[in-house]
Amino acid sequence: MEAKEKANKKKMTGIVVKDKMDKTIVVEVEKVLQHPKYHKYIKRKKRYKVHDEKNICKLGDEVSIIESRPISKDKRWLIKEIIKKEEPFLAQKEVVGDDTGEI
């Protein structure tokens, strides 16, 4: 999905943390900022609802998002591109011995 780019649009990168809604994903963006008084670096996370027209993003994908017009009450972001696809987790059982029942 290609979003129209303008110079005044905000751009962010984050991880998909929810993909259960139709045409909507939740992207968590982490930023590091410095405390104004104590000058300690602090990690802050914020979640954004992002429009995913074709439902192509999956849980764990790293995506780039861009600001857009309001699509719904909470959605104001579009997917610009998928930076990194998350490999699906394949649970494989280890075979310790044969299953013949003999000791």
PDB file of N, CA and C in Angstrom:
ATOM      1  N   MET A   1       0.847  -1.170   0.000  1.00  0.00           N
ATOM      2  CA  MET A   1       0.000   0.000   0.000  1.00  0.00           C
ATOM      3  C   MET A   1       0.891   1.231   0.000  1.00  0.00           C
ATOM      4  N   GLU A   2       0.747   2.028  -0.988  1.00  0.00           N
ATOM      5  CA  GLU A   2       1.543   3.236  -1.084  1.00  0.00           C
ATOM      6  C   GLU A   2       0.706   4.427  -0.635  1.00  0.00           C
ATOM      7  N   ALA A   3       1.207   5.135   0.331  1.00  0.00           N
ATOM      8  CA  ALA A   3       0.535   6.339   0.818  1.00  0.00           C
ATOM      9  C   ALA A   3       1.164   7.547   0.139  1.00  0.00           C
ATOM     10  N   LYS A   4       0.352   8.571  -0.111  1.00  0.00           N
ATOM     11  CA  LYS A   4       0.878   9.791  -0.709  1.00  0.00           C
ATOM     12  C   LYS A   4       1.776  10.488   0.297  1.00  0.00           C
ATOM     13  N   GLU A   5       2.932  10.908  -0.164  1.00  0.00           N
ATOM     14  CA  GLU A   5       3.901  11.542   0.732  1.00  0.00           C
ATOM     15  C   GLU A   5       3.930  13.043   0.510  1.00  0.00           C
ATOM     16  N   LYS A   6       3.864  13.772   1.595  1.00  0.00           N
ATOM     17  CA  LYS A   6       4.065  15.214   1.562  1.00  0.00           C
ATOM     18  C   LYS A   6       5.107  15.542   2.615  1.00  0.00           C
ATOM     19  N   ALA A   7       5.731  16.681   2.478  1.00  0.00           N
ATOM     20  CA  ALA A   7       6.817  17.047   3.379  1.00  0.00           C
ATOM     21  C   ALA A   7       6.337  17.285   4.805  1.00  0.00           C
ATOM     22  N   ASN A   8       5.093  17.719   4.995  1.00  0.00           N
ATOM     23  CA  ASN A   8       4.626  18.050   6.332  1.00  0.00           C
ATOM     24  C   ASN A   8       3.949  16.886   7.051  1.00  0.00           C
ATOM     25  N   LYS A   9       3.966  15.701   6.485  1.00  0.00           N
ATOM     26  CA  LYS A   9       3.362  14.533   7.121  1.00  0.00           C
ATOM     27  C   LYS A   9       4.348  13.901   8.096  1.00  0.00           C
ATOM     28  N   LYS A  10       3.848  13.480   9.256  1.00  0.00           N
ATOM     29  CA  LYS A  10       4.699  12.806  10.228  1.00  0.00           C
ATOM     30  C   LYS A  10       4.927  11.369   9.785  1.00  0.00           C
ATOM     31  N   LYS A  11       6.141  10.873  10.021  1.00  0.00           N
ATOM     32  CA  LYS A  11       6.498   9.498   9.680  1.00  0.00           C
ATOM     33  C   LYS A  11       7.075   8.835  10.915  1.00  0.00           C
ATOM     34  N   MET A  12       6.716   7.570  11.149  1.00  0.00           N
ATOM     35  CA  MET A  12       7.231   6.818  12.292  1.00  0.00           C
ATOM     36  C   MET A  12       7.465   5.372  11.890  1.00  0.00           C
ATOM     37  N   THR A  13       8.235   4.684  12.707  1.00  0.00           N
ATOM     38  CA  THR A  13       8.504   3.268  12.514  1.00  0.00           C
ATOM     39  C   THR A  13       8.163   2.539  13.799  1.00  0.00           C
ATOM     40  N   GLY A  14       7.480   1.391  13.667  1.00  0.00           N
ATOM     41  CA  GLY A  14       7.099   0.643  14.861  1.00  0.00           C
ATOM     42  C   GLY A  14       6.842  -0.820  14.559  1.00  0.00           C
ATOM     43  N   ILE A  15       6.411  -1.541  15.595  1.00  0.00           N
ATOM     44  CA  ILE A  15       6.159  -2.976  15.524  1.00  0.00           C
ATOM     45  C   ILE A  15       4.653  -3.219  15.630  1.00  0.00           C
ATOM     46  N   VAL A  16       4.131  -4.135  14.802  1.00  0.00           N
ATOM     47  CA  VAL A  16       2.715  -4.496  14.866  1.00  0.00           C
ATOM     48  C   VAL A  16       2.493  -5.356  16.105  1.00  0.00           C
ATOM     49  N   VAL A  17       1.612  -4.902  17.012  1.00  0.00           N
ATOM     50  CA  VAL A  17       1.343  -5.647  18.241  1.00  0.00           C
ATOM     51  C   VAL A  17      -0.048  -6.273  18.244  1.00  0.00           C
ATOM     52  N   LYS A  18      -0.940  -5.838  17.343  1.00  0.00           N
ATOM     53  CA  LYS A  18      -2.274  -6.425  17.209  1.00  0.00           C
ATOM     54  C   LYS A  18      -2.688  -6.386  15.751  1.00  0.00           C
ATOM     55  N   ASP A  19      -3.312  -7.476  15.297  1.00  0.00           N
ATOM     56  CA  ASP A  19      -3.820  -7.499  13.922  1.00  0.00           C
ATOM     57  C   ASP A  19      -5.173  -8.194  13.832  1.00  0.00           C
ATOM     58  N   LYS A  20      -5.940  -8.194  14.904  1.00  0.00           N
ATOM     59  CA  LYS A  20      -7.210  -8.920  14.952  1.00  0.00           C
ATOM     60  C   LYS A  20      -8.360  -8.173  14.284  1.00  0.00           C
ATOM     61  N   MET A  21      -8.260  -6.854  14.139  1.00  0.00           N
ATOM     62  CA  MET A  21      -9.346  -6.075  13.547  1.00  0.00           C
ATOM     63  C   MET A  21      -9.255  -6.112  12.026  1.00  0.00           C
ATOM     64  N   ASP A  22     -10.399  -5.932  11.370  1.00  0.00           N
ATOM     65  CA  ASP A  22     -10.438  -5.919   9.919  1.00  0.00           C
ATOM     66  C   ASP A  22      -9.936  -4.571   9.408  1.00  0.00           C
ATOM     67  N   LYS A  23      -8.939  -4.596   8.540  1.00  0.00           N
ATOM     68  CA  LYS A  23      -8.341  -3.416   7.917  1.00  0.00           C
ATOM     69  C   LYS A  23      -7.712  -2.454   8.921  1.00  0.00           C
ATOM     70  N   THR A  24      -7.400  -2.934  10.114  1.00  0.00           N
ATOM     71  CA  THR A  24      -6.770  -2.097  11.137  1.00  0.00           C
ATOM     72  C   THR A  24      -5.717  -2.904  11.873  1.00  0.00           C
ATOM     73  N   ILE A  25      -4.575  -2.293  12.121  1.00  0.00           N
ATOM     74  CA  ILE A  25      -3.546  -2.898  12.964  1.00  0.00           C
ATOM     75  C   ILE A  25      -3.181  -1.893  14.046  1.00  0.00           C
ATOM     76  N   VAL A  26      -2.586  -2.392  15.115  1.00  0.00           N
ATOM     77  CA  VAL A  26      -2.088  -1.524  16.174  1.00  0.00           C
ATOM     78  C   VAL A  26      -0.566  -1.595  16.127  1.00  0.00           C
ATOM     79  N   VAL A  27       0.058  -0.434  15.973  1.00  0.00           N
ATOM     80  CA  VAL A  27       1.517  -0.340  15.869  1.00  0.00           C
ATOM     81  C   VAL A  27       2.039   0.361  17.113  1.00  0.00           C
ATOM     82  N   GLU A  28       3.049  -0.257  17.750  1.00  0.00           N
ATOM     83  CA  GLU A  28       3.670   0.338  18.928  1.00  0.00           C
ATOM     84  C   GLU A  28       4.975   1.007  18.511  1.00  0.00           C
ATOM     85  N   VAL A  29       5.064   2.298  18.792  1.00  0.00           N
ATOM     86  CA  VAL A  29       6.245   3.092  18.442  1.00  0.00           C
ATOM     87  C   VAL A  29       6.988   3.422  19.725  1.00  0.00           C
ATOM     88  N   GLU A  30       8.285   3.131  19.738  1.00  0.00           N
ATOM     89  CA  GLU A  30       9.113   3.407  20.916  1.00  0.00           C
ATOM     90  C   GLU A  30      10.066   4.550  20.598  1.00  0.00           C
ATOM     91  N   LYS A  31      10.143   5.511  21.503  1.00  0.00           N
ATOM     92  CA  LYS A  31      11.103   6.596  21.326  1.00  0.00           C
ATOM     93  C   LYS A  31      11.859   6.820  22.624  1.00  0.00           C
ATOM     94  N   VAL A  32      13.071   7.319  22.495  1.00  0.00           N
ATOM     95  CA  VAL A  32      13.928   7.589  23.643  1.00  0.00           C
ATOM     96  C   VAL A  32      14.026   9.103  23.785  1.00  0.00           C
ATOM     97  N   LEU A  33      13.709   9.583  24.979  1.00  0.00           N
ATOM     98  CA  LEU A  33      13.808  11.010  25.232  1.00  0.00           C
ATOM     99  C   LEU A  33      14.548  11.256  26.531  1.00  0.00           C
ATOM    100  N   GLN A  34      15.023  12.456  26.696  1.00  0.00           N
ATOM    101  CA  GLN A  34      15.798  12.812  27.876  1.00  0.00           C
ATOM    102  C   GLN A  34      14.910  13.583  28.846  1.00  0.00           C
ATOM    103  N   HIS A  35      14.956  13.188  30.119  1.00  0.00           N
ATOM    104  CA  HIS A  35      14.174  13.872  31.144  1.00  0.00           C
ATOM    105  C   HIS A  35      14.661  15.316  31.244  1.00  0.00           C
ATOM    106  N   PRO A  36      13.725  16.290  31.283  1.00  0.00           N
ATOM    107  CA  PRO A  36      14.160  17.688  31.263  1.00  0.00           C
ATOM    108  C   PRO A  36      14.969  18.127  32.482  1.00  0.00           C
ATOM    109  N   LYS A  37      14.670  17.569  33.648  1.00  0.00           N
ATOM    110  CA  LYS A  37      15.379  17.997  34.857  1.00  0.00           C
ATOM    111  C   LYS A  37      16.566  17.098  35.188  1.00  0.00           C
ATOM    112  N   TYR A  38      16.352  15.780  35.132  1.00  0.00           N
ATOM    113  CA  TYR A  38      17.381  14.841  35.584  1.00  0.00           C
ATOM    114  C   TYR A  38      18.288  14.337  34.466  1.00  0.00           C
ATOM    115  N   HIS A  39      17.960  14.630  33.221  1.00  0.00           N
ATOM    116  CA  HIS A  39      18.782  14.289  32.056  1.00  0.00           C
ATOM    117  C   HIS A  39      19.019  12.790  31.894  1.00  0.00           C
ATOM    118  N   LYS A  40      18.138  11.986  32.455  1.00  0.00           N
ATOM    119  CA  LYS A  40      18.219  10.540  32.261  1.00  0.00           C
ATOM    120  C   LYS A  40      17.423  10.195  30.997  1.00  0.00           C
ATOM    121  N   TYR A  41      17.946   9.237  30.225  1.00  0.00           N
ATOM    122  CA  TYR A  41      17.247   8.820  29.021  1.00  0.00           C
ATOM    123  C   TYR A  41      16.151   7.828  29.391  1.00  0.00           C
ATOM    124  N   ILE A  42      14.947   8.071  28.861  1.00  0.00           N
ATOM    125  CA  ILE A  42      13.773   7.277  29.196  1.00  0.00           C
ATOM    126  C   ILE A  42      13.156   6.751  27.903  1.00  0.00           C
ATOM    127  N   LYS A  43      12.730   5.473  27.910  1.00  0.00           N
ATOM    128  CA  LYS A  43      12.014   4.904  26.774  1.00  0.00           C
ATOM    129  C   LYS A  43      10.524   5.131  26.976  1.00  0.00           C
ATOM    130  N   ARG A  44       9.872   5.634  25.958  1.00  0.00           N
ATOM    131  CA  ARG A  44       8.428   5.842  25.981  1.00  0.00           C
ATOM    132  C   ARG A  44       7.816   5.095  24.798  1.00  0.00           C
ATOM    133  N   LYS A  45       6.690   4.413  25.051  1.00  0.00           N
ATOM    134  CA  LYS A  45       5.992   3.680  24.001  1.00  0.00           C
ATOM    135  C   LYS A  45       4.601   4.256  23.824  1.00  0.00           C
ATOM    136  N   LYS A  46       4.157   4.290  22.575  1.00  0.00           N
ATOM    137  CA  LYS A  46       2.804   4.741  22.281  1.00  0.00           C
ATOM    138  C   LYS A  46       2.240   3.859  21.178  1.00  0.00           C
ATOM    139  N   ARG A  47       0.943   3.568  21.277  1.00  0.00           N
ATOM    140  CA  ARG A  47       0.280   2.713  20.296  1.00  0.00           C
ATOM    141  C   ARG A  47      -0.606   3.551  19.383  1.00  0.00           C
ATOM    142  N   TYR A  48      -0.540   3.237  18.095  1.00  0.00           N
ATOM    143  CA  TYR A  48      -1.343   3.929  17.096  1.00  0.00           C
ATOM    144  C   TYR A  48      -2.158   2.902  16.320  1.00  0.00           C
ATOM    145  N   LYS A  49      -3.424   3.236  16.038  1.00  0.00           N
ATOM    146  CA  LYS A  49      -4.241   2.410  15.151  1.00  0.00           C
ATOM    147  C   LYS A  49      -3.962   2.870  13.731  1.00  0.00           C
ATOM    148  N   VAL A  50      -3.620   1.902  12.879  1.00  0.00           N
ATOM    149  CA  VAL A  50      -3.166   2.197  11.518  1.00  0.00           C
ATOM    150  C   VAL A  50      -4.068   1.476  10.522  1.00  0.00           C
ATOM    151  N   HIS A  51      -4.413   2.157   9.435  1.00  0.00           N
ATOM    152  CA  HIS A  51      -5.265   1.574   8.396  1.00  0.00           C
ATOM    153  C   HIS A  51      -4.441   0.625   7.529  1.00  0.00           C
ATOM    154  N   ASP A  52      -4.923  -0.621   7.405  1.00  0.00           N
ATOM    155  CA  ASP A  52      -4.274  -1.659   6.598  1.00  0.00           C
ATOM    156  C   ASP A  52      -5.322  -2.189   5.622  1.00  0.00           C
ATOM    157  N   GLU A  53      -5.439  -1.556   4.473  1.00  0.00           N
ATOM    158  CA  GLU A  53      -6.525  -1.835   3.524  1.00  0.00           C
ATOM    159  C   GLU A  53      -6.584  -3.298   3.089  1.00  0.00           C
ATOM    160  N   LYS A  54      -5.428  -3.909   2.823  1.00  0.00           N
ATOM    161  CA  LYS A  54      -5.400  -5.275   2.288  1.00  0.00           C
ATOM    162  C   LYS A  54      -5.108  -6.337   3.343  1.00  0.00           C
ATOM    163  N   ASN A  55      -5.044  -5.961   4.609  1.00  0.00           N
ATOM    164  CA  ASN A  55      -4.738  -6.891   5.709  1.00  0.00           C
ATOM    165  C   ASN A  55      -3.446  -7.665   5.445  1.00  0.00           C
ATOM    166  N   ILE A  56      -2.396  -6.972   5.035  1.00  0.00           N
ATOM    167  CA  ILE A  56      -1.135  -7.627   4.691  1.00  0.00           C
ATOM    168  C   ILE A  56      -0.166  -7.710   5.865  1.00  0.00           C
ATOM    169  N   CYS A  57      -0.336  -6.875   6.875  1.00  0.00           N
ATOM    170  CA  CYS A  57       0.581  -6.869   8.016  1.00  0.00           C
ATOM    171  C   CYS A  57       0.194  -7.936   9.023  1.00  0.00           C
ATOM    172  N   LYS A  58       1.186  -8.585   9.573  1.00  0.00           N
ATOM    173  CA  LYS A  58       0.975  -9.623  10.578  1.00  0.00           C
ATOM    174  C   LYS A  58       1.669  -9.225  11.872  1.00  0.00           C
ATOM    175  N   LEU A  59       1.358  -9.936  12.921  1.00  0.00           N
ATOM    176  CA  LEU A  59       1.904  -9.689  14.249  1.00  0.00           C
ATOM    177  C   LEU A  59       3.431  -9.773  14.220  1.00  0.00           C
ATOM    178  N   GLY A  60       4.113  -8.773  14.745  1.00  0.00           N
ATOM    179  CA  GLY A  60       5.569  -8.774  14.818  1.00  0.00           C
ATOM    180  C   GLY A  60       6.268  -8.087  13.661  1.00  0.00           C
ATOM    181  N   ASP A  61       5.542  -7.717  12.617  1.00  0.00           N
ATOM    182  CA  ASP A  61       6.159  -7.022  11.482  1.00  0.00           C
ATOM    183  C   ASP A  61       6.632  -5.631  11.898  1.00  0.00           C
ATOM    184  N   GLU A  62       7.736  -5.207  11.314  1.00  0.00           N
ATOM    185  CA  GLU A  62       8.206  -3.838  11.522  1.00  0.00           C
ATOM    186  C   GLU A  62       7.719  -3.012  10.335  1.00  0.00           C
ATOM    187  N   VAL A  63       6.961  -1.937  10.623  1.00  0.00           N
ATOM    188  CA  VAL A  63       6.345  -1.152   9.563  1.00  0.00           C
ATOM    189  C   VAL A  63       6.686   0.327   9.700  1.00  0.00           C
ATOM    190  N   SER A  64       6.620   1.010   8.574  1.00  0.00           N
ATOM    191  CA  SER A  64       6.758   2.456   8.542  1.00  0.00           C
ATOM    192  C   SER A  64       5.360   3.020   8.311  1.00  0.00           C
ATOM    193  N   ILE A  65       4.950   4.003   9.132  1.00  0.00           N
ATOM    194  CA  ILE A  65       3.609   4.570   9.017  1.00  0.00           C
ATOM    195  C   ILE A  65       3.704   6.063   8.737  1.00  0.00           C
ATOM    196  N   ILE A  66       2.656   6.595   8.127  1.00  0.00           N
ATOM    197  CA  ILE A  66       2.620   8.005   7.756  1.00  0.00           C
ATOM    198  C   ILE A  66       1.262   8.580   8.159  1.00  0.00           C
ATOM    199  N   GLU A  67       1.282   9.821   8.591  1.00  0.00           N
ATOM    200  CA  GLU A  67       0.066  10.499   9.030  1.00  0.00           C
ATOM    201  C   GLU A  67      -0.868  10.742   7.840  1.00  0.00           C
ATOM    202  N   SER A  68      -2.188  10.672   8.086  1.00  0.00           N
ATOM    203  CA  SER A  68      -3.160  10.910   7.024  1.00  0.00           C
ATOM    204  C   SER A  68      -4.372  11.640   7.582  1.00  0.00           C
ATOM    205  N   ARG A  69      -5.353  11.819   6.745  1.00  0.00           N
ATOM    206  CA  ARG A  69      -6.608  12.416   7.200  1.00  0.00           C
ATOM    207  C   ARG A  69      -7.291  11.439   8.156  1.00  0.00           C
ATOM    208  N   PRO A  70      -8.215  11.898   9.000  1.00  0.00           N
ATOM    209  CA  PRO A  70      -8.921  10.973   9.891  1.00  0.00           C
ATOM    210  C   PRO A  70      -9.748   9.956   9.099  1.00  0.00           C
ATOM    211  N   ILE A  71      -9.515   8.680   9.362  1.00  0.00           N
ATOM    212  CA  ILE A  71     -10.235   7.607   8.689  1.00  0.00           C
ATOM    213  C   ILE A  71     -11.411   7.153   9.552  1.00  0.00           C
ATOM    214  N   SER A  72     -11.222   7.155  10.859  1.00  0.00           N
ATOM    215  CA  SER A  72     -12.287   6.837  11.811  1.00  0.00           C
ATOM    216  C   SER A  72     -12.012   7.619  13.091  1.00  0.00           C
ATOM    217  N   LYS A  73     -12.705   7.250  14.156  1.00  0.00           N
ATOM    218  CA  LYS A  73     -12.541   7.957  15.426  1.00  0.00           C
ATOM    219  C   LYS A  73     -11.092   7.910  15.917  1.00  0.00           C
ATOM    220  N   ASP A  74     -10.438   6.763  15.785  1.00  0.00           N
ATOM    221  CA  ASP A  74      -9.086   6.577  16.313  1.00  0.00           C
ATOM    222  C   ASP A  74      -7.997   6.474  15.243  1.00  0.00           C
ATOM    223  N   LYS A  75      -8.359   6.179  13.994  1.00  0.00           N
ATOM    224  CA  LYS A  75      -7.354   5.935  12.955  1.00  0.00           C
ATOM    225  C   LYS A  75      -6.991   7.212  12.208  1.00  0.00           C
ATOM    226  N   ARG A  76      -5.702   7.553  12.261  1.00  0.00           N
ATOM    227  CA  ARG A  76      -5.192   8.706  11.534  1.00  0.00           C
ATOM    228  C   ARG A  76      -3.843   8.404  10.878  1.00  0.00           C
ATOM    229  N   TRP A  77      -3.546   7.134  10.667  1.00  0.00           N
ATOM    230  CA  TRP A  77      -2.260   6.713  10.120  1.00  0.00           C
ATOM    231  C   TRP A  77      -2.482   5.681   9.019  1.00  0.00           C
ATOM    232  N   LEU A  78      -1.563   5.655   8.051  1.00  0.00           N
ATOM    233  CA  LEU A  78      -1.563   4.679   6.964  1.00  0.00           C
ATOM    234  C   LEU A  78      -0.223   3.953   6.946  1.00  0.00           C
ATOM    235  N   ILE A  79      -0.232   2.748   6.402  1.00  0.00           N
ATOM    236  CA  ILE A  79       1.020   2.003   6.231  1.00  0.00           C
ATOM    237  C   ILE A  79       1.752   2.572   5.023  1.00  0.00           C
ATOM    238  N   LYS A  80       3.014   2.922   5.230  1.00  0.00           N
ATOM    239  CA  LYS A  80       3.839   3.384   4.117  1.00  0.00           C
ATOM    240  C   LYS A  80       4.539   2.186   3.484  1.00  0.00           C
ATOM    241  N   GLU A  81       5.172   1.349   4.328  1.00  0.00           N
ATOM    242  CA  GLU A  81       5.837   0.150   3.826  1.00  0.00           C
ATOM    243  C   GLU A  81       6.086  -0.818   4.969  1.00  0.00           C
ATOM    244  N   ILE A  82       6.266  -2.075   4.608  1.00  0.00           N
ATOM    245  CA  ILE A  82       6.657  -3.091   5.581  1.00  0.00           C
ATOM    246  C   ILE A  82       8.169  -3.207   5.490  1.00  0.00           C
ATOM    247  N   ILE A  83       8.840  -2.880   6.585  1.00  0.00           N
ATOM    248  CA  ILE A  83      10.304  -2.882   6.596  1.00  0.00           C
ATOM    249  C   ILE A  83      10.837  -4.302   6.759  1.00  0.00           C
ATOM    250  N   LYS A  84      10.260  -5.044   7.709  1.00  0.00           N
ATOM    251  CA  LYS A  84      10.745  -6.399   7.983  1.00  0.00           C
ATOM    252  C   LYS A  84       9.562  -7.282   8.349  1.00  0.00           C
ATOM    253  N   LYS A  85       9.414  -8.404   7.630  1.00  0.00           N
ATOM    254  CA  LYS A  85       8.362  -9.365   7.934  1.00  0.00           C
ATOM    255  C   LYS A  85       8.835 -10.291   9.046  1.00  0.00           C
ATOM    256  N   GLU A  86       7.950 -10.606   9.979  1.00  0.00           N
ATOM    257  CA  GLU A  86       8.267 -11.527  11.066  1.00  0.00           C
ATOM    258  C   GLU A  86       8.056 -12.951  10.567  1.00  0.00           C
ATOM    259  N   GLU A  87       9.017 -13.807  10.829  1.00  0.00           N
ATOM    260  CA  GLU A  87       8.896 -15.208  10.448  1.00  0.00           C
ATOM    261  C   GLU A  87       7.852 -15.878  11.322  1.00  0.00           C
ATOM    262  N   PRO A  88       6.953 -16.676  10.735  1.00  0.00           N
ATOM    263  CA  PRO A  88       5.954 -17.366  11.558  1.00  0.00           C
ATOM    264  C   PRO A  88       6.613 -18.381  12.483  1.00  0.00           C
ATOM    265  N   PHE A  89       6.111 -18.439  13.704  1.00  0.00           N
ATOM    266  CA  PHE A  89       6.681 -19.335  14.706  1.00  0.00           C
ATOM    267  C   PHE A  89       6.175 -20.744  14.450  1.00  0.00           C
ATOM    268  N   LEU A  90       7.086 -21.661  14.221  1.00  0.00           N
ATOM    269  CA  LEU A  90       6.718 -23.049  13.990  1.00  0.00           C
ATOM    270  C   LEU A  90       7.140 -23.867  15.200  1.00  0.00           C
ATOM    271  N   ALA A  91       6.168 -24.320  15.949  1.00  0.00           N
ATOM    272  CA  ALA A  91       6.463 -25.129  17.133  1.00  0.00           C
ATOM    273  C   ALA A  91       6.716 -26.560  16.680  1.00  0.00           C
ATOM    274  N   GLN A  92       7.913 -27.021  16.917  1.00  0.00           N
ATOM    275  CA  GLN A  92       8.267 -28.384  16.548  1.00  0.00           C
ATOM    276  C   GLN A  92       8.596 -29.156  17.810  1.00  0.00           C
ATOM    277  N   LYS A  93       8.044 -30.346  17.896  1.00  0.00           N
ATOM    278  CA  LYS A  93       8.302 -31.190  19.055  1.00  0.00           C
ATOM    279  C   LYS A  93       9.585 -31.977  18.818  1.00  0.00           C
ATOM    280  N   GLU A  94      10.382 -32.060  19.851  1.00  0.00           N
ATOM    281  CA  GLU A  94      11.601 -32.858  19.754  1.00  0.00           C
ATOM    282  C   GLU A  94      11.270 -34.319  20.004  1.00  0.00           C
ATOM    283  N   VAL A  95      11.858 -35.180  19.214  1.00  0.00           N
ATOM    284  CA  VAL A  95      11.667 -36.613  19.397  1.00  0.00           C
ATOM    285  C   VAL A  95      12.816 -37.110  20.256  1.00  0.00           C
ATOM    286  N   VAL A  96      12.480 -37.573  21.480  1.00  0.00           N
ATOM    287  CA  VAL A  96      13.504 -38.040  22.401  1.00  0.00           C
ATOM    288  C   VAL A  96      13.825 -39.500  22.132  1.00  0.00           C
ATOM    289  N   GLY A  97      12.832 -40.291  21.924  1.00  0.00           N
ATOM    290  CA  GLY A  97      13.029 -41.709  21.634  1.00  0.00           C
ATOM    291  C   GLY A  97      11.970 -42.169  20.653  1.00  0.00           C
ATOM    292  N   ASP A  98      12.038 -43.449  20.278  1.00  0.00           N
ATOM    293  CA  ASP A  98      10.995 -43.941  19.391  1.00  0.00           C
ATOM    294  C   ASP A  98       9.729 -44.237  20.198  1.00  0.00           C
ATOM    295  N   ASP A  99       8.622 -44.309  19.546  1.00  0.00           N
ATOM    296  CA  ASP A  99       7.328 -44.426  20.218  1.00  0.00           C
ATOM    297  C   ASP A  99       6.819 -45.872  20.155  1.00  0.00           C
ATOM    298  N   THR A 100       7.687 -46.851  20.418  1.00  0.00           N
ATOM    299  CA  THR A 100       7.264 -48.247  20.354  1.00  0.00           C
ATOM    300  C   THR A 100       6.766 -48.759  21.691  1.00  0.00           C
ATOM    301  N   GLY A 101       7.046 -48.068  22.763  1.00  0.00           N
ATOM    302  CA  GLY A 101       6.584 -48.494  24.077  1.00  0.00           C
ATOM    303  C   GLY A 101       7.584 -49.379  24.803  1.00  0.00           C
ATOM    304  N   GLU A 102       8.670 -49.733  24.170  1.00  0.00           N
ATOM    305  CA  GLU A 102       9.686 -50.568  24.810  1.00  0.00           C
ATOM    306  C   GLU A 102      10.689 -49.690  25.539  1.00  0.00           C
ATOM    307  N   ILE A 103      11.255 -50.254  26.591  1.00  0.00           N
ATOM    308  CA  ILE A 103      12.231 -49.515  27.381  1.00  0.00           C
ATOM    309  C   ILE A 103      13.628 -49.969  27.053  1.00  0.00           C
TER     310      ILE A 103
END
